[in-house]
Amino acid sequence: MEEEERLYLEEKERKVHRLVRLAKALLAVYGALIAVKKFVERIGKKFEEENQKGGVKRHILFLDGKTVKVEGPVTELELFTGLSGVVVDLTEAQFPKETSLTVYGLMSGISIKLPPMVRVECDSAELFSGYANLVPSYEDETLPVFRLKGMDLLCGREIKLGHKE
């Protein structure tokens, strides 16, 4: 009987040690994710400062959900997203002859809202991702072109007509 009790206590002790190691590993992963998030936030602040100056407008998201609303003339946008959900609202934007959005996504949901009467062309690569273009196909060559570029891994992406708010 004593032998069975000793074996039971040893097994219980091993399980407790496994749980402690698992808890330590989870805390380490959580700490690493928080550190990466803070680093990405600093990069995002730099991008926001650069966006005020003009040129390519860049946005970065990690473990976050956000709506990126673009107003005024826009020719080039870049979006870096990881483990996030983002809505890119271009309903108030003014499109020249061609506008491009380059998206680099990792396990994210990306929704792009466009105004009516914009032609959409897609030159992106998706790996284990879904893509839906819900914008009507316009044959008028004089309309501005919205070109979607980039790479996605395990993402869901949709382009649709939005409504001005």
Protein backbone atom coordinates (compact mmCIF):
# COMPACT_ATOMS: atom_id res chain seq x y z
CA MET A 1 0.00 0.00 0.00
CA GLU A 2 2.81 2.37 0.87
CA GLU A 3 4.45 1.73 -2.50
CA GLU A 4 1.25 2.69 -4.37
CA GLU A 5 0.92 5.85 -2.28
CA ARG A 6 4.53 6.82 -2.97
CA LEU A 7 4.06 6.26 -6.73
CA TYR A 8 0.86 8.31 -6.66
CA LEU A 9 2.63 11.23 -4.91
CA GLU A 10 5.54 11.09 -7.36
CA GLU A 11 3.14 11.17 -10.34
CA LYS A 12 1.23 14.07 -8.78
CA GLU A 13 4.49 15.95 -8.22
CA ARG A 14 5.51 15.42 -11.89
CA LYS A 15 2.17 16.80 -13.05
CA VAL A 16 2.57 19.87 -10.84
CA HIS A 17 6.07 20.45 -12.27
CA ARG A 18 4.71 20.15 -15.82
CA LEU A 19 1.99 22.68 -15.05
CA VAL A 20 4.54 25.07 -13.56
CA ARG A 21 6.76 24.75 -16.65
CA LEU A 22 3.75 25.29 -18.92
CA ALA A 23 2.75 28.39 -16.96
CA LYS A 24 6.31 29.76 -17.22
CA ALA A 25 6.35 29.14 -20.98
CA LEU A 26 2.98 30.86 -21.43
CA LEU A 27 4.18 33.86 -19.42
CA ALA A 28 7.31 34.06 -21.57
CA VAL A 29 5.25 33.97 -24.77
CA TYR A 30 2.85 36.59 -23.39
CA GLY A 31 5.76 38.83 -22.42
CA ALA A 32 7.30 38.47 -25.87
CA LEU A 33 3.98 39.37 -27.54
CA ILE A 34 3.61 42.46 -25.36
CA ALA A 35 7.19 43.52 -26.16
CA VAL A 36 6.55 43.09 -29.90
CA LYS A 37 3.28 45.04 -29.61
CA LYS A 38 5.05 47.97 -27.91
CA PHE A 39 7.76 47.93 -30.57
CA VAL A 40 5.13 47.93 -33.33
CA GLU A 41 3.32 50.83 -31.64
CA ARG A 42 6.54 52.88 -31.75
CA ILE A 43 6.90 52.11 -35.46
CA GLY A 44 3.23 53.07 -35.92
CA LYS A 45 3.85 56.47 -34.31
CA LYS A 46 6.76 57.09 -36.68
CA PHE A 47 4.55 56.10 -39.61
CA GLU A 48 1.87 58.55 -38.44
CA GLU A 49 4.45 61.37 -38.33
CA GLU A 50 5.64 60.49 -41.84
CA ASN A 51 2.03 60.31 -43.08
CA GLN A 52 1.53 63.94 -42.05
CA LYS A 53 4.42 64.97 -44.32
CA GLY A 54 2.91 63.33 -47.39
CA GLY A 55 4.13 60.67 -49.79
CA VAL A 56 3.42 57.00 -49.15
CA LYS A 57 0.94 56.56 -46.31
CA ARG A 58 1.91 53.64 -44.06
CA HIS A 59 -0.01 51.94 -41.27
CA ILE A 60 1.03 49.05 -39.03
CA LEU A 61 -1.11 46.89 -36.74
CA PHE A 62 -0.29 44.01 -34.44
CA LEU A 63 -2.77 42.38 -32.05
CA ASP A 64 -5.09 45.27 -32.69
CA GLY A 65 -8.26 46.24 -34.49
CA LYS A 66 -8.50 49.58 -36.23
CA THR A 67 -10.25 51.58 -38.91
CA VAL A 68 -7.87 53.46 -41.20
CA LYS A 69 -9.81 56.33 -42.77
CA VAL A 70 -8.09 58.06 -45.68
CA GLU A 71 -9.35 61.42 -46.91
CA GLY A 72 -8.13 63.68 -49.69
CA PRO A 73 -5.88 62.73 -52.57
CA VAL A 74 -4.13 59.37 -52.23
CA THR A 75 -1.76 57.62 -54.62
CA GLU A 76 0.00 54.99 -52.53
CA LEU A 77 -0.78 53.21 -49.26
CA GLU A 78 1.06 50.46 -47.37
CA LEU A 79 -0.48 48.32 -44.64
CA PHE A 80 1.40 45.91 -42.39
CA THR A 81 -0.85 43.78 -40.21
CA GLY A 82 -0.40 40.79 -37.95
CA LEU A 83 -3.03 39.03 -35.85
CA SER A 84 -5.35 41.99 -36.39
CA GLY A 85 -8.55 43.17 -37.94
CA VAL A 86 -8.51 46.33 -40.04
CA VAL A 87 -10.98 48.32 -42.10
CA VAL A 88 -9.43 50.60 -44.73
CA ASP A 89 -12.04 53.27 -45.49
CA LEU A 90 -11.31 55.03 -48.78
CA THR A 91 -14.84 56.33 -49.39
CA GLU A 92 -13.73 59.96 -48.81
CA ALA A 93 -10.45 59.63 -50.73
CA GLN A 94 -9.80 61.34 -54.04
CA PHE A 95 -8.33 58.95 -56.58
CA PRO A 96 -5.97 60.10 -59.32
CA LYS A 97 -5.50 57.94 -62.43
CA GLU A 98 -4.01 55.06 -60.36
CA THR A 99 -3.88 54.33 -56.63
CA SER A 100 -2.18 51.36 -55.04
CA LEU A 101 -2.57 49.65 -51.69
CA THR A 102 0.15 47.20 -50.69
CA VAL A 103 -0.90 44.84 -47.91
CA TYR A 104 1.40 42.54 -45.97
CA GLY A 105 -0.85 40.46 -43.73
CA LEU A 106 -0.35 37.64 -41.28
CA MET A 107 -3.45 35.96 -39.79
CA SER A 108 -5.58 39.08 -40.17
CA GLY A 109 -8.94 40.19 -41.46
CA ILE A 110 -8.78 43.09 -43.92
CA SER A 111 -11.79 44.95 -45.27
CA ILE A 112 -11.34 47.70 -47.89
CA LYS A 113 -14.18 50.13 -48.60
CA LEU A 114 -14.08 52.01 -51.91
CA PRO A 115 -16.27 54.72 -53.43
CA PRO A 116 -18.33 53.83 -56.51
CA MET A 117 -16.93 54.16 -60.02
CA VAL A 118 -13.42 52.86 -59.30
CA ARG A 119 -11.93 49.95 -61.23
CA VAL A 120 -10.22 47.30 -59.08
CA GLU A 121 -7.18 45.28 -60.15
CA CYS A 122 -5.47 42.74 -57.89
CA ASP A 123 -1.78 41.81 -58.15
CA SER A 124 -1.36 40.12 -54.78
CA ALA A 125 -0.33 36.70 -53.56
CA GLU A 126 -2.38 34.82 -50.98
CA LEU A 127 -1.25 31.71 -49.16
CA PHE A 128 -3.97 29.87 -47.22
CA SER A 129 -6.04 33.07 -47.46
CA GLY A 130 -9.41 34.14 -48.75
CA TYR A 131 -10.09 37.05 -51.10
CA ALA A 132 -13.42 38.55 -52.14
CA ASN A 133 -13.86 41.38 -54.63
CA LEU A 134 -17.42 42.63 -54.20
CA VAL A 135 -16.98 45.78 -56.33
CA PRO A 136 -18.78 45.75 -59.70
CA SER A 137 -16.51 45.34 -62.72
CA TYR A 138 -16.42 48.57 -64.71
CA GLU A 139 -15.27 48.53 -68.34
CA ASP A 140 -14.83 52.31 -68.63
CA GLU A 141 -11.10 52.95 -69.21
CA THR A 142 -11.38 56.56 -68.00
CA LEU A 143 -12.21 55.55 -64.42
CA PRO A 144 -9.47 55.64 -61.79
CA VAL A 145 -7.78 52.32 -61.01
CA PHE A 146 -7.36 50.92 -57.51
CA ARG A 147 -4.54 48.35 -57.55
CA LEU A 148 -4.24 45.92 -54.66
CA LYS A 149 -0.76 44.43 -54.12
CA GLY A 150 1.01 42.50 -51.40
CA MET A 151 1.19 39.14 -49.68
CA ASP A 152 -1.15 37.44 -47.22
CA LEU A 153 -0.68 34.40 -45.05
CA LEU A 154 -3.78 32.98 -43.33
CA CYS A 155 -5.81 36.16 -43.96
CA GLY A 156 -9.28 37.03 -45.08
CA ARG A 157 -9.58 40.04 -47.36
CA GLU A 158 -12.58 41.76 -48.94
CA ILE A 159 -13.00 44.77 -51.19
CA LYS A 160 -16.43 46.32 -51.26
CA LEU A 161 -18.26 49.54 -51.93
CA GLY A 162 -18.56 51.71 -48.85
CA HIS A 163 -20.89 54.57 -48.02
CA LYS A 164 -19.78 58.04 -47.11
CA GLU A 165 -20.57 58.73 -43.47
